[in-house]
N, C-alpha and C. Protein backbone atom coordinates (compact mmCIF):
# COMPACT_ATOMS: atom_id res chain seq x y z
N MET A 1 -39.64 -73.17 50.03
CA MET A 1 -38.52 -74.07 50.26
C MET A 1 -37.24 -73.23 50.37
N GLU A 2 -36.45 -73.50 51.38
CA GLU A 2 -35.20 -72.77 51.60
C GLU A 2 -34.11 -73.29 50.67
N LEU A 3 -33.11 -72.45 50.42
CA LEU A 3 -31.98 -72.84 49.57
C LEU A 3 -31.33 -74.11 50.08
N ARG A 4 -31.18 -74.22 51.39
CA ARG A 4 -30.57 -75.41 51.99
C ARG A 4 -31.28 -76.68 51.53
N ASP A 5 -32.60 -76.66 51.50
CA ASP A 5 -33.38 -77.82 51.08
C ASP A 5 -33.21 -78.11 49.59
N LYS A 6 -33.05 -77.07 48.80
CA LYS A 6 -32.88 -77.24 47.36
C LYS A 6 -31.53 -77.85 47.00
N LEU A 7 -30.53 -77.68 47.86
CA LEU A 7 -29.18 -78.18 47.58
C LEU A 7 -28.98 -79.64 47.98
N VAL A 8 -29.84 -80.19 48.79
CA VAL A 8 -29.68 -81.58 49.25
C VAL A 8 -29.65 -82.52 48.05
N GLY A 9 -28.62 -83.37 48.02
CA GLY A 9 -28.47 -84.35 46.94
C GLY A 9 -27.03 -84.45 46.49
N VAL A 10 -26.82 -85.10 45.37
CA VAL A 10 -25.49 -85.31 44.80
C VAL A 10 -25.37 -84.47 43.53
N TRP A 11 -24.27 -83.74 43.42
CA TRP A 11 -24.03 -82.84 42.30
C TRP A 11 -22.75 -83.23 41.59
N ALA A 12 -22.77 -83.21 40.26
CA ALA A 12 -21.59 -83.55 39.46
C ALA A 12 -20.85 -82.28 39.06
N LEU A 13 -19.53 -82.34 39.11
CA LEU A 13 -18.69 -81.22 38.67
C LEU A 13 -18.81 -81.07 37.17
N VAL A 14 -19.09 -79.87 36.72
CA VAL A 14 -19.21 -79.58 35.29
C VAL A 14 -17.90 -79.00 34.78
N SER A 15 -17.32 -78.07 35.51
CA SER A 15 -16.01 -77.50 35.15
C SER A 15 -15.42 -76.84 36.38
N TRP A 16 -14.10 -76.65 36.35
CA TRP A 16 -13.42 -76.00 37.46
C TRP A 16 -12.24 -75.24 36.89
N GLN A 17 -12.26 -73.94 37.04
CA GLN A 17 -11.14 -73.12 36.62
C GLN A 17 -10.83 -72.12 37.71
N SER A 18 -9.57 -71.72 37.77
CA SER A 18 -9.11 -70.80 38.79
C SER A 18 -9.04 -69.38 38.23
N THR A 19 -9.59 -68.43 38.98
CA THR A 19 -9.48 -67.02 38.60
C THR A 19 -9.08 -66.21 39.83
N LEU A 20 -8.41 -65.10 39.60
CA LEU A 20 -8.04 -64.18 40.67
C LEU A 20 -8.26 -62.78 40.16
N ASP A 21 -9.08 -62.03 40.85
CA ASP A 21 -9.43 -60.67 40.42
C ASP A 21 -9.95 -60.65 38.99
N GLY A 22 -10.73 -61.68 38.63
CA GLY A 22 -11.32 -61.75 37.30
C GLY A 22 -10.38 -62.25 36.21
N GLU A 23 -9.14 -62.56 36.56
CA GLU A 23 -8.15 -63.03 35.58
C GLU A 23 -8.01 -64.55 35.65
N PHE A 24 -8.09 -65.20 34.50
CA PHE A 24 -7.99 -66.66 34.41
C PHE A 24 -6.59 -67.12 34.81
N HIS A 25 -6.52 -68.16 35.66
CA HIS A 25 -5.23 -68.69 36.11
C HIS A 25 -5.05 -70.18 35.82
N GLY A 26 -5.96 -70.81 35.13
CA GLY A 26 -5.77 -72.20 34.74
C GLY A 26 -6.81 -73.14 35.32
N TYR A 27 -6.57 -74.41 35.07
CA TYR A 27 -7.45 -75.49 35.51
C TYR A 27 -6.70 -76.31 36.55
N PRO A 28 -7.02 -76.18 37.84
CA PRO A 28 -6.28 -76.86 38.91
C PRO A 28 -6.15 -78.37 38.73
N PHE A 29 -7.17 -79.03 38.20
CA PHE A 29 -7.14 -80.48 38.01
C PHE A 29 -7.26 -80.85 36.54
N GLY A 30 -6.88 -79.93 35.66
CA GLY A 30 -6.99 -80.17 34.22
C GLY A 30 -8.36 -79.79 33.69
N ARG A 31 -8.46 -79.71 32.37
CA ARG A 31 -9.72 -79.31 31.74
C ARG A 31 -10.84 -80.33 31.94
N GLU A 32 -10.50 -81.57 32.18
CA GLU A 32 -11.50 -82.64 32.31
C GLU A 32 -11.63 -83.12 33.75
N ALA A 33 -11.46 -82.23 34.72
CA ALA A 33 -11.57 -82.61 36.14
C ALA A 33 -12.90 -83.31 36.40
N ARG A 34 -12.88 -84.22 37.35
CA ARG A 34 -14.09 -84.96 37.72
C ARG A 34 -14.38 -84.74 39.20
N GLY A 35 -15.64 -84.80 39.55
CA GLY A 35 -15.96 -84.63 40.96
C GLY A 35 -17.43 -84.75 41.27
N ARG A 36 -17.70 -84.92 42.55
CA ARG A 36 -19.07 -85.00 43.07
C ARG A 36 -19.12 -84.24 44.39
N LEU A 37 -20.20 -83.54 44.61
CA LEU A 37 -20.50 -82.90 45.89
C LEU A 37 -21.77 -83.55 46.43
N THR A 38 -21.78 -83.84 47.71
CA THR A 38 -22.96 -84.40 48.34
C THR A 38 -23.36 -83.52 49.51
N TYR A 39 -24.59 -83.04 49.48
CA TYR A 39 -25.16 -82.27 50.58
C TYR A 39 -26.27 -83.10 51.20
N ASN A 40 -26.17 -83.32 52.51
CA ASN A 40 -27.17 -84.10 53.24
C ASN A 40 -28.13 -83.19 53.99
N ALA A 41 -29.33 -83.67 54.24
CA ALA A 41 -30.35 -82.89 54.94
C ALA A 41 -29.93 -82.51 56.35
N ASN A 42 -29.02 -83.28 56.95
CA ASN A 42 -28.57 -82.97 58.32
C ASN A 42 -27.49 -81.89 58.36
N GLY A 43 -27.11 -81.35 57.20
CA GLY A 43 -26.15 -80.25 57.14
C GLY A 43 -24.73 -80.66 56.81
N THR A 44 -24.47 -81.96 56.65
CA THR A 44 -23.11 -82.38 56.30
C THR A 44 -22.91 -82.31 54.79
N MET A 45 -21.65 -82.19 54.40
CA MET A 45 -21.29 -82.07 52.99
C MET A 45 -20.00 -82.85 52.76
N SER A 46 -19.86 -83.44 51.59
CA SER A 46 -18.60 -84.08 51.22
C SER A 46 -18.30 -83.76 49.76
N ALA A 47 -17.01 -83.74 49.44
CA ALA A 47 -16.58 -83.44 48.08
C ALA A 47 -15.52 -84.45 47.65
N ILE A 48 -15.61 -84.90 46.42
CA ILE A 48 -14.61 -85.77 45.81
C ILE A 48 -14.21 -85.11 44.50
N LEU A 49 -12.94 -84.75 44.38
CA LEU A 49 -12.42 -84.08 43.19
C LEU A 49 -11.17 -84.81 42.73
N MET A 50 -11.00 -84.97 41.41
CA MET A 50 -9.83 -85.69 40.92
C MET A 50 -9.51 -85.33 39.48
N LYS A 51 -8.28 -85.60 39.11
CA LYS A 51 -7.87 -85.48 37.71
C LYS A 51 -8.40 -86.71 36.97
N PRO A 52 -8.76 -86.57 35.71
CA PRO A 52 -9.32 -87.71 34.98
C PRO A 52 -8.30 -88.81 34.71
N ASP A 53 -7.03 -88.48 34.68
CA ASP A 53 -6.00 -89.47 34.35
C ASP A 53 -5.31 -90.04 35.59
N ARG A 54 -5.98 -89.95 36.74
CA ARG A 54 -5.41 -90.48 37.97
C ARG A 54 -5.18 -91.98 37.85
N ARG A 55 -4.02 -92.43 38.30
CA ARG A 55 -3.70 -93.85 38.22
C ARG A 55 -4.42 -94.63 39.32
N SER A 56 -4.75 -95.86 39.02
CA SER A 56 -5.43 -96.74 39.96
C SER A 56 -4.51 -97.08 41.13
N PHE A 57 -5.08 -97.38 42.30
CA PHE A 57 -4.30 -97.78 43.46
C PHE A 57 -3.75 -99.19 43.32
N SER A 58 -4.32 -99.99 42.46
CA SER A 58 -3.91 -101.40 42.36
C SER A 58 -2.58 -101.59 41.69
């Protein structure tokens, strides 16, 4: 099975931190960032990333 086939599905963000040359630069969306990545068998991908305290649109 190729790597491409193993990645197909929906993935949850566990953590996200920024580094440059091995040096920590912070959490772009906060320590509790939320997100999902979706990889489809046809080669398309989508990402949804957000801060946990984002206000509702309503």
